[in-house]
Amino acid sequence: VDRLWNKRVVNELGTGPLAWAVAILWWDFIYYWNHRFMHETRWLWAIHVVHHSSEHYNLSTALRQPVLDVFGMFVPYGALSLLGFRPDTIETARGVNLLYQYWIHTEAIDRLPKPVEAVLNTPSHHRGHHGANRQYLDRNHAGIFIIWDRLFGTHELEDEPVVYGLTTNIET
């Protein structure tokens, strides 16, 4: 990728706070679709299931990341590169997205104020995402912005106790 940048094959969108903000927004949009496909496609689910297999929901659940997750990450990297973002800007966007998603893996925070819940992915939204309850299956795929789930019909409010784990747990 760096060779493409050095030869200016790709138009560069620049650096700095504005480029980072736009890259974060685009990364999150592409992440939503990538994450959704990981739930809807069996071979991608086979990679992602490790993250959902815990029957407990806490910060350590956020760290349950599969080794093969790299096979699902080429999509947002490639898309943002084609849009003209520099590799270091893409890495910054990914890092912000990952750091944001760490803190939402908790039962210690109930609900946040309604304006925050309307725009951002919160612990309440993400608890539903990790639920094995029928109503929560394949819902709330957002990384940072829950607006993607609201726009594309996959949003579900947490309104009954969440049962964590898989619909059929592995017991190992």
N, C-alpha and C. Protein backbone atom coordinates (compact mmCIF):
# COMPACT_ATOMS: atom_id res chain seq x y z
N VAL A 1 0.84 -1.19 0.00
CA VAL A 1 0.00 0.00 0.00
C VAL A 1 0.88 1.25 0.00
N ASP A 2 1.96 1.25 0.78
CA ASP A 2 2.83 2.42 0.83
C ASP A 2 3.41 2.74 -0.54
N ARG A 3 3.70 1.71 -1.36
CA ARG A 3 4.23 1.97 -2.71
C ARG A 3 3.20 2.73 -3.54
N LEU A 4 1.92 2.35 -3.40
CA LEU A 4 0.88 3.08 -4.13
C LEU A 4 0.87 4.54 -3.71
N TRP A 5 1.00 4.78 -2.42
CA TRP A 5 1.00 6.16 -1.94
C TRP A 5 2.21 6.91 -2.47
N ASN A 6 3.37 6.29 -2.44
CA ASN A 6 4.58 6.96 -2.89
C ASN A 6 4.51 7.29 -4.38
N LYS A 7 3.83 6.47 -5.17
CA LYS A 7 3.71 6.73 -6.60
C LYS A 7 2.47 7.57 -6.92
N ARG A 8 1.70 7.91 -5.89
CA ARG A 8 0.49 8.73 -6.05
C ARG A 8 -0.53 8.12 -7.00
N VAL A 9 -0.63 6.78 -6.97
CA VAL A 9 -1.65 6.10 -7.77
C VAL A 9 -3.02 6.39 -7.18
N VAL A 10 -3.05 6.56 -5.86
CA VAL A 10 -4.30 6.83 -5.16
C VAL A 10 -4.34 8.30 -4.79
N ASN A 11 -5.48 8.95 -4.98
CA ASN A 11 -5.63 10.34 -4.54
C ASN A 11 -5.66 10.37 -3.03
N GLU A 12 -4.89 11.26 -2.46
CA GLU A 12 -4.77 11.34 -1.01
C GLU A 12 -5.77 12.35 -0.45
N LEU A 13 -6.44 11.98 0.63
CA LEU A 13 -7.39 12.88 1.27
C LEU A 13 -6.75 13.73 2.36
N GLY A 14 -5.46 13.57 2.57
CA GLY A 14 -4.77 14.40 3.53
C GLY A 14 -4.61 13.76 4.89
N THR A 15 -4.10 14.56 5.81
CA THR A 15 -3.86 14.11 7.17
C THR A 15 -4.48 15.12 8.12
N GLY A 16 -4.40 14.82 9.38
CA GLY A 16 -4.88 15.75 10.39
C GLY A 16 -6.26 15.38 10.92
N PRO A 17 -6.77 16.20 11.83
CA PRO A 17 -8.02 15.89 12.54
C PRO A 17 -9.24 15.68 11.63
N LEU A 18 -9.39 16.47 10.59
CA LEU A 18 -10.54 16.31 9.71
C LEU A 18 -10.46 14.98 8.95
N ALA A 19 -9.30 14.65 8.44
CA ALA A 19 -9.13 13.36 7.74
C ALA A 19 -9.38 12.21 8.70
N TRP A 20 -8.89 12.33 9.94
CA TRP A 20 -9.13 11.27 10.94
C TRP A 20 -10.61 11.14 11.25
N ALA A 21 -11.29 12.27 11.43
CA ALA A 21 -12.72 12.23 11.76
C ALA A 21 -13.53 11.57 10.64
N VAL A 22 -13.24 11.95 9.40
CA VAL A 22 -13.95 11.36 8.27
C VAL A 22 -13.61 9.88 8.14
N ALA A 23 -12.34 9.53 8.34
CA ALA A 23 -11.93 8.12 8.28
C ALA A 23 -12.61 7.31 9.37
N ILE A 24 -12.74 7.87 10.57
CA ILE A 24 -13.42 7.17 11.66
C ILE A 24 -14.87 6.93 11.30
N LEU A 25 -15.53 7.94 10.74
CA LEU A 25 -16.93 7.78 10.33
C LEU A 25 -17.06 6.72 9.25
N TRP A 26 -16.20 6.76 8.21
CA TRP A 26 -16.25 5.76 7.15
C TRP A 26 -15.90 4.37 7.67
N TRP A 27 -14.86 4.28 8.53
CA TRP A 27 -14.49 2.98 9.08
C TRP A 27 -15.69 2.39 9.82
N ASP A 28 -16.37 3.21 10.61
CA ASP A 28 -17.49 2.71 11.38
C ASP A 28 -18.63 2.24 10.48
N PHE A 29 -18.89 2.96 9.40
CA PHE A 29 -19.93 2.56 8.45
C PHE A 29 -19.57 1.22 7.81
N ILE A 30 -18.33 1.09 7.34
CA ILE A 30 -17.90 -0.16 6.71
C ILE A 30 -17.83 -1.27 7.76
N TYR A 31 -17.39 -0.92 8.97
CA TYR A 31 -17.35 -1.90 10.05
C TYR A 31 -18.75 -2.44 10.32
N TYR A 32 -19.77 -1.59 10.34
CA TYR A 32 -21.14 -2.05 10.56
C TYR A 32 -21.49 -3.16 9.57
N TRP A 33 -21.27 -2.90 8.28
CA TRP A 33 -21.62 -3.89 7.26
C TRP A 33 -20.76 -5.15 7.37
N ASN A 34 -19.48 -4.98 7.62
CA ASN A 34 -18.59 -6.12 7.79
C ASN A 34 -19.03 -6.97 8.98
N HIS A 35 -19.33 -6.32 10.09
CA HIS A 35 -19.77 -7.02 11.30
C HIS A 35 -21.11 -7.71 11.05
N ARG A 36 -21.99 -7.03 10.37
CA ARG A 36 -23.30 -7.63 10.05
C ARG A 36 -23.13 -8.88 9.20
N PHE A 37 -22.26 -8.80 8.18
CA PHE A 37 -22.02 -9.97 7.33
C PHE A 37 -21.38 -11.11 8.13
N MET A 38 -20.58 -10.77 9.15
CA MET A 38 -19.99 -11.82 9.99
C MET A 38 -21.08 -12.60 10.74
N HIS A 39 -22.19 -11.96 11.00
CA HIS A 39 -23.32 -12.64 11.66
C HIS A 39 -24.23 -13.35 10.68
N GLU A 40 -24.26 -12.90 9.45
CA GLU A 40 -25.21 -13.42 8.47
C GLU A 40 -24.62 -14.43 7.50
N THR A 41 -23.31 -14.58 7.50
CA THR A 41 -22.63 -15.49 6.58
C THR A 41 -21.93 -16.58 7.40
N ARG A 42 -22.23 -17.82 7.12
CA ARG A 42 -21.73 -18.92 7.96
C ARG A 42 -20.21 -18.97 8.07
N TRP A 43 -19.49 -18.77 6.97
CA TRP A 43 -18.04 -18.89 7.06
C TRP A 43 -17.44 -17.71 7.83
N LEU A 44 -18.06 -16.54 7.77
CA LEU A 44 -17.59 -15.42 8.58
C LEU A 44 -18.00 -15.60 10.05
N TRP A 45 -19.20 -16.18 10.27
CA TRP A 45 -19.64 -16.45 11.63
C TRP A 45 -18.69 -17.46 12.30
N ALA A 46 -18.19 -18.41 11.53
CA ALA A 46 -17.26 -19.40 12.07
C ALA A 46 -16.00 -18.72 12.63
N ILE A 47 -15.63 -17.58 12.07
CA ILE A 47 -14.50 -16.81 12.58
C ILE A 47 -14.93 -16.00 13.80
N HIS A 48 -16.08 -15.36 13.72
CA HIS A 48 -16.53 -14.38 14.72
C HIS A 48 -17.14 -15.02 15.98
N VAL A 49 -17.58 -16.26 15.90
CA VAL A 49 -18.29 -16.91 17.00
C VAL A 49 -17.49 -16.92 18.30
N VAL A 50 -16.18 -16.94 18.21
CA VAL A 50 -15.33 -16.93 19.40
C VAL A 50 -15.68 -15.73 20.29
N HIS A 51 -15.90 -14.60 19.68
CA HIS A 51 -16.21 -13.38 20.43
C HIS A 51 -17.55 -13.49 21.16
N HIS A 52 -18.47 -14.25 20.63
CA HIS A 52 -19.81 -14.36 21.20
C HIS A 52 -20.00 -15.58 22.10
N SER A 53 -19.01 -16.41 22.22
CA SER A 53 -19.20 -17.67 22.94
C SER A 53 -19.18 -17.56 24.46
N SER A 54 -18.75 -16.43 25.00
CA SER A 54 -18.72 -16.28 26.45
C SER A 54 -20.13 -16.19 27.02
N GLU A 55 -20.36 -16.89 28.10
CA GLU A 55 -21.66 -16.83 28.78
C GLU A 55 -21.66 -15.74 29.84
N HIS A 56 -20.59 -14.98 29.90
CA HIS A 56 -20.46 -13.84 30.81
C HIS A 56 -20.20 -12.61 29.98
N TYR A 57 -20.60 -11.46 30.49
CA TYR A 57 -20.44 -10.23 29.74
C TYR A 57 -19.69 -9.22 30.60
N ASN A 58 -18.43 -9.03 30.28
CA ASN A 58 -17.59 -8.08 30.99
C ASN A 58 -16.47 -7.64 30.05
N LEU A 59 -15.58 -6.82 30.56
CA LEU A 59 -14.53 -6.27 29.70
C LEU A 59 -13.66 -7.34 29.05
N SER A 60 -13.51 -8.49 29.72
CA SER A 60 -12.70 -9.55 29.11
C SER A 60 -13.38 -10.12 27.86
N THR A 61 -14.69 -9.99 27.77
CA THR A 61 -15.41 -10.45 26.56
C THR A 61 -14.94 -9.67 25.34
N ALA A 62 -14.64 -8.39 25.54
CA ALA A 62 -14.16 -7.57 24.42
C ALA A 62 -12.84 -8.09 23.87
N LEU A 63 -12.07 -8.75 24.71
CA LEU A 63 -10.75 -9.23 24.30
C LEU A 63 -10.79 -10.60 23.64
N ARG A 64 -11.94 -11.23 23.61
CA ARG A 64 -12.08 -12.55 22.97
C ARG A 64 -12.15 -12.36 21.45
N GLN A 65 -11.01 -12.13 20.87
CA GLN A 65 -10.95 -11.88 19.44
C GLN A 65 -10.30 -13.06 18.74
N PRO A 66 -10.88 -13.51 17.65
CA PRO A 66 -10.33 -14.67 16.94
C PRO A 66 -9.06 -14.33 16.17
N VAL A 67 -8.18 -15.28 16.11
CA VAL A 67 -6.93 -15.12 15.35
C VAL A 67 -7.25 -14.88 13.88
N LEU A 68 -8.25 -15.53 13.36
CA LEU A 68 -8.58 -15.42 11.94
C LEU A 68 -9.39 -14.17 11.60
N ASP A 69 -9.59 -13.28 12.56
CA ASP A 69 -10.33 -12.05 12.32
C ASP A 69 -9.71 -11.22 11.20
N VAL A 70 -8.42 -11.41 10.96
CA VAL A 70 -7.73 -10.69 9.90
C VAL A 70 -8.41 -10.93 8.54
N PHE A 71 -9.04 -12.09 8.35
CA PHE A 71 -9.71 -12.38 7.08
C PHE A 71 -10.97 -11.54 6.89
N GLY A 72 -11.48 -10.99 7.97
CA GLY A 72 -12.64 -10.11 7.85
C GLY A 72 -12.26 -8.64 7.79
N MET A 73 -11.01 -8.32 8.04
CA MET A 73 -10.60 -6.91 8.13
C MET A 73 -10.10 -6.33 6.81
N PHE A 74 -9.83 -7.18 5.81
CA PHE A 74 -9.32 -6.63 4.56
C PHE A 74 -10.37 -5.77 3.86
N VAL A 75 -11.64 -5.99 4.14
CA VAL A 75 -12.70 -5.21 3.49
C VAL A 75 -12.63 -3.74 3.90
N PRO A 76 -12.69 -3.40 5.21
CA PRO A 76 -12.61 -1.97 5.54
C PRO A 76 -11.26 -1.35 5.18
N TYR A 77 -10.17 -2.10 5.35
CA TYR A 77 -8.87 -1.55 4.97
C TYR A 77 -8.84 -1.21 3.48
N GLY A 78 -9.26 -2.15 2.66
CA GLY A 78 -9.25 -1.94 1.22
C GLY A 78 -10.17 -0.82 0.79
N ALA A 79 -11.38 -0.78 1.36
CA ALA A 79 -12.35 0.25 0.99
C ALA A 79 -11.84 1.64 1.33
N LEU A 80 -11.29 1.81 2.51
CA LEU A 80 -10.79 3.13 2.90
C LEU A 80 -9.56 3.53 2.09
N SER A 81 -8.75 2.56 1.73
CA SER A 81 -7.61 2.86 0.86
C SER A 81 -8.10 3.36 -0.50
N LEU A 82 -9.09 2.70 -1.04
CA LEU A 82 -9.64 3.12 -2.34
C LEU A 82 -10.32 4.49 -2.27
N LEU A 83 -10.85 4.84 -1.09
CA LEU A 83 -11.45 6.16 -0.92
C LEU A 83 -10.39 7.27 -0.83
N GLY A 84 -9.13 6.88 -0.60
CA GLY A 84 -8.05 7.86 -0.58
C GLY A 84 -7.44 8.15 0.77
N PHE A 85 -7.76 7.33 1.76
CA PHE A 85 -7.17 7.55 3.08
C PHE A 85 -5.78 6.91 3.16
N ARG A 86 -4.87 7.59 3.83
CA ARG A 86 -3.52 7.09 4.03
C ARG A 86 -3.56 5.90 4.98
N PRO A 87 -2.62 4.96 4.85
CA PRO A 87 -2.58 3.80 5.75
C PRO A 87 -2.53 4.17 7.22
N ASP A 88 -1.76 5.20 7.59
CA ASP A 88 -1.69 5.58 9.00
C ASP A 88 -3.01 6.17 9.49
N THR A 89 -3.75 6.84 8.63
CA THR A 89 -5.06 7.39 8.99
C THR A 89 -6.05 6.25 9.18
N ILE A 90 -5.96 5.23 8.33
CA ILE A 90 -6.84 4.06 8.46
C ILE A 90 -6.55 3.35 9.78
N GLU A 91 -5.29 3.20 10.11
CA GLU A 91 -4.93 2.56 11.38
C GLU A 91 -5.45 3.35 12.57
N THR A 92 -5.40 4.67 12.48
CA THR A 92 -5.94 5.51 13.55
C THR A 92 -7.44 5.29 13.68
N ALA A 93 -8.14 5.26 12.56
CA ALA A 93 -9.59 5.03 12.58
C ALA A 93 -9.92 3.68 13.19
N ARG A 94 -9.18 2.66 12.81
CA ARG A 94 -9.41 1.32 13.37
C ARG A 94 -9.14 1.31 14.87
N GLY A 95 -8.05 1.95 15.27
CA GLY A 95 -7.70 2.00 16.69
C GLY A 95 -8.76 2.69 17.53
N VAL A 96 -9.26 3.81 17.03
CA VAL A 96 -10.33 4.52 17.76
C VAL A 96 -11.56 3.63 17.87
N ASN A 97 -11.91 2.95 16.79
CA ASN A 97 -13.07 2.06 16.79
C ASN A 97 -12.90 0.93 17.80
N LEU A 98 -11.73 0.30 17.82
CA LEU A 98 -11.47 -0.79 18.76
C LEU A 98 -11.49 -0.31 20.21
N LEU A 99 -10.85 0.82 20.47
CA LEU A 99 -10.84 1.36 21.83
C LEU A 99 -12.25 1.72 22.30
N TYR A 100 -13.03 2.30 21.41
CA TYR A 100 -14.40 2.65 21.78
C TYR A 100 -15.18 1.40 22.17
N GLN A 101 -15.03 0.34 21.40
CA GLN A 101 -15.82 -0.86 21.65
C GLN A 101 -15.42 -1.62 22.91
N TYR A 102 -14.25 -1.33 23.44
CA TYR A 102 -13.83 -2.02 24.66
C TYR A 102 -14.77 -1.71 25.83
N TRP A 103 -15.03 -0.46 26.10
CA TRP A 103 -15.78 -0.05 27.28
C TRP A 103 -17.25 -0.44 27.24
N ILE A 104 -17.80 -0.74 26.08
CA ILE A 104 -19.22 -1.08 26.00
C ILE A 104 -19.50 -2.54 26.38
N HIS A 105 -18.47 -3.30 26.64
CA HIS A 105 -18.63 -4.69 27.07
C HIS A 105 -18.73 -4.75 28.60
N THR A 106 -19.82 -4.21 29.14
CA THR A 106 -19.98 -4.18 30.59
C THR A 106 -21.45 -4.17 31.00
N GLU A 107 -21.71 -4.76 32.15
CA GLU A 107 -23.03 -4.67 32.76
C GLU A 107 -23.03 -3.61 33.86
N ALA A 108 -21.87 -3.01 34.13
CA ALA A 108 -21.74 -2.03 35.21
C ALA A 108 -22.42 -0.70 34.87
N ILE A 109 -22.62 -0.43 33.59
CA ILE A 109 -23.28 0.81 33.16
C ILE A 109 -24.64 0.45 32.61
N ASP A 110 -25.69 1.04 33.17
CA ASP A 110 -27.05 0.72 32.73
C ASP A 110 -27.33 1.41 31.40
N ARG A 111 -28.05 2.48 31.43
CA ARG A 111 -28.35 3.25 30.23
C ARG A 111 -27.78 4.65 30.36
N LEU A 112 -27.42 5.21 29.23
CA LEU A 112 -26.92 6.57 29.19
C LEU A 112 -28.08 7.49 28.80
N PRO A 113 -27.90 8.81 28.90
CA PRO A 113 -28.98 9.73 28.51
C PRO A 113 -29.47 9.46 27.08
N LYS A 114 -30.77 9.69 26.85
CA LYS A 114 -31.39 9.37 25.56
C LYS A 114 -30.68 9.96 24.35
N PRO A 115 -30.21 11.21 24.39
CA PRO A 115 -29.50 11.72 23.20
C PRO A 115 -28.25 10.90 22.87
N VAL A 116 -27.55 10.39 23.89
CA VAL A 116 -26.37 9.56 23.67
C VAL A 116 -26.79 8.21 23.11
N GLU A 117 -27.81 7.60 23.71
CA GLU A 117 -28.32 6.30 23.25
C GLU A 117 -28.84 6.36 21.81
N ALA A 118 -29.29 7.54 21.38
CA ALA A 118 -29.84 7.69 20.03
C ALA A 118 -28.76 7.67 18.95
N VAL A 119 -27.54 8.06 19.31
CA VAL A 119 -26.49 8.21 18.30
C VAL A 119 -25.36 7.20 18.46
N LEU A 120 -24.94 6.96 19.71
CA LEU A 120 -23.76 6.12 19.95
C LEU A 120 -24.13 4.71 20.38
N ASN A 121 -23.26 3.78 20.06
CA ASN A 121 -23.38 2.43 20.58
C ASN A 121 -23.01 2.50 22.06
N THR A 122 -23.83 1.93 22.91
CA THR A 122 -23.64 2.02 24.35
C THR A 122 -23.62 0.61 24.95
N PRO A 123 -23.25 0.49 26.22
CA PRO A 123 -23.31 -0.83 26.85
C PRO A 123 -24.68 -1.49 26.71
N SER A 124 -25.76 -0.71 26.84
CA SER A 124 -27.10 -1.28 26.71
C SER A 124 -27.32 -1.87 25.32
N HIS A 125 -26.97 -1.11 24.28
CA HIS A 125 -27.13 -1.62 22.91
C HIS A 125 -26.29 -2.87 22.69
N HIS A 126 -25.06 -2.82 23.19
CA HIS A 126 -24.15 -3.92 22.89
C HIS A 126 -24.45 -5.17 23.71
N ARG A 127 -25.04 -4.99 24.90
CA ARG A 127 -25.47 -6.18 25.65
C ARG A 127 -26.49 -6.96 24.81
N GLY A 128 -27.42 -6.22 24.19
CA GLY A 128 -28.38 -6.88 23.31
C GLY A 128 -27.70 -7.61 22.17
N HIS A 129 -26.67 -7.00 21.61
CA HIS A 129 -25.93 -7.64 20.52
C HIS A 129 -25.36 -8.99 20.94
N HIS A 130 -24.94 -9.09 22.19
CA HIS A 130 -24.33 -10.33 22.68
C HIS A 130 -25.36 -11.31 23.23
N GLY A 131 -26.63 -10.97 23.13
CA GLY A 131 -27.66 -11.84 23.68
C GLY A 131 -27.98 -13.04 22.81
N ALA A 132 -28.26 -14.15 23.48
CA ALA A 132 -28.71 -15.35 22.78
C ALA A 132 -30.24 -15.39 22.71
N ASN A 133 -30.89 -14.41 23.36
CA ASN A 133 -32.34 -14.31 23.29
C ASN A 133 -32.75 -14.09 21.83
N ARG A 134 -33.84 -14.69 21.43
CA ARG A 134 -34.30 -14.60 20.04
C ARG A 134 -34.40 -13.15 19.55
N GLN A 135 -34.95 -12.27 20.38
CA GLN A 135 -35.15 -10.88 19.95
C GLN A 135 -33.84 -10.14 19.69
N TYR A 136 -32.76 -10.60 20.28
CA TYR A 136 -31.48 -9.91 20.14
C TYR A 136 -30.57 -10.50 19.06
N LEU A 137 -30.94 -11.62 18.50
CA LEU A 137 -30.06 -12.27 17.51
C LEU A 137 -29.86 -11.37 16.29
N ASP A 138 -28.62 -11.22 15.89
CA ASP A 138 -28.23 -10.45 14.71
C ASP A 138 -28.75 -9.02 14.75
N ARG A 139 -28.57 -8.39 15.89
CA ARG A 139 -28.97 -7.00 16.08
C ARG A 139 -27.79 -6.18 16.60
N ASN A 140 -27.89 -4.88 16.45
CA ASN A 140 -26.95 -3.91 17.02
C ASN A 140 -25.50 -4.22 16.65
N HIS A 141 -25.20 -4.14 15.38
CA HIS A 141 -23.86 -4.46 14.86
C HIS A 141 -22.89 -3.28 14.91
N ALA A 142 -23.34 -2.13 15.35
CA ALA A 142 -22.53 -0.92 15.31
C ALA A 142 -21.23 -1.06 16.06
N GLY A 143 -20.26 -0.29 15.62
CA GLY A 143 -19.01 -0.16 16.35
C GLY A 143 -19.13 1.03 17.29
N ILE A 144 -19.17 2.22 16.73
CA ILE A 144 -19.30 3.45 17.52
C ILE A 144 -20.70 4.05 17.39
N PHE A 145 -21.22 4.17 16.18
CA PHE A 145 -22.47 4.87 15.94
C PHE A 145 -23.64 3.91 15.73
N ILE A 146 -24.58 3.90 16.65
CA ILE A 146 -25.76 3.04 16.56
C ILE A 146 -26.69 3.50 15.44
N ILE A 147 -26.42 4.67 14.89
CA ILE A 147 -27.27 5.18 13.82
C ILE A 147 -27.32 4.23 12.62
N TRP A 148 -26.24 3.48 12.38
CA TRP A 148 -26.25 2.54 11.25
C TRP A 148 -27.33 1.47 11.47
N ASP A 149 -27.42 0.94 12.68
CA ASP A 149 -28.46 -0.06 12.96
C ASP A 149 -29.85 0.55 12.85
N ARG A 150 -30.00 1.77 13.28
CA ARG A 150 -31.30 2.45 13.16
C ARG A 150 -31.66 2.65 11.69
N LEU A 151 -30.68 3.06 10.89
CA LEU A 151 -30.93 3.31 9.46
C LEU A 151 -31.24 2.03 8.68
N PHE A 152 -30.57 0.92 9.03
CA PHE A 152 -30.68 -0.29 8.23
C PHE A 152 -31.51 -1.39 8.88
N GLY A 153 -32.29 -1.04 9.91
CA GLY A 153 -33.29 -1.96 10.46
C GLY A 153 -32.78 -3.07 11.34
N THR A 154 -31.59 -2.92 11.93
CA THR A 154 -31.07 -3.98 12.80
C THR A 154 -30.97 -3.52 14.26
N HIS A 155 -31.59 -2.42 14.59
CA HIS A 155 -31.53 -1.92 15.97
C HIS A 155 -32.56 -2.61 16.85
N GLU A 156 -32.15 -2.94 18.07
CA GLU A 156 -33.06 -3.56 19.05
C GLU A 156 -32.74 -2.98 20.42
N LEU A 157 -33.75 -2.46 21.10
CA LEU A 157 -33.56 -1.96 22.45
C LEU A 157 -33.42 -3.11 23.43
N GLU A 158 -32.64 -2.93 24.44
CA GLU A 158 -32.52 -3.90 25.51
C GLU A 158 -33.72 -3.70 26.43
N ASP A 159 -34.67 -4.63 26.36
CA ASP A 159 -35.86 -4.47 27.20
C ASP A 159 -36.22 -5.70 28.01
N GLU A 160 -35.45 -6.76 27.88
CA GLU A 160 -35.59 -7.92 28.75
C GLU A 160 -34.20 -8.40 29.11
N PRO A 161 -34.05 -9.11 30.22
CA PRO A 161 -32.71 -9.56 30.62
C PRO A 161 -32.02 -10.34 29.51
N VAL A 162 -30.75 -10.04 29.33
CA VAL A 162 -29.97 -10.66 28.26
C VAL A 162 -29.37 -11.97 28.76
N VAL A 163 -29.52 -13.02 27.95
CA VAL A 163 -28.86 -14.30 28.20
C VAL A 163 -27.66 -14.32 27.28
N TYR A 164 -26.46 -14.40 27.85
CA TYR A 164 -25.24 -14.33 27.06
C TYR A 164 -24.80 -15.70 26.59
N GLY A 165 -24.03 -15.69 25.52
CA GLY A 165 -23.52 -16.92 24.96
C GLY A 165 -24.15 -17.17 23.61
N LEU A 166 -24.12 -18.43 23.21
CA LEU A 166 -24.66 -18.84 21.91
C LEU A 166 -26.02 -19.48 22.10
N THR A 167 -26.78 -19.61 21.03
CA THR A 167 -28.07 -20.28 21.15
C THR A 167 -27.90 -21.72 21.61
N THR A 168 -26.79 -22.33 21.22
CA THR A 168 -26.38 -23.63 21.75
C THR A 168 -24.93 -23.48 22.18
N ASN A 169 -24.71 -23.42 23.48
CA ASN A 169 -23.36 -23.17 23.98
C ASN A 169 -22.45 -24.38 23.78
N ILE A 170 -21.17 -24.10 23.64
CA ILE A 170 -20.18 -25.12 23.31
C ILE A 170 -19.79 -25.95 24.53
N GLU A 171 -19.92 -25.37 25.72
CA GLU A 171 -19.58 -26.07 26.98
C GLU A 171 -18.11 -26.44 27.05
N THR A 172 -17.27 -25.56 26.59
CA THR A 172 -15.83 -25.77 26.70
C THR A 172 -15.12 -24.44 26.87
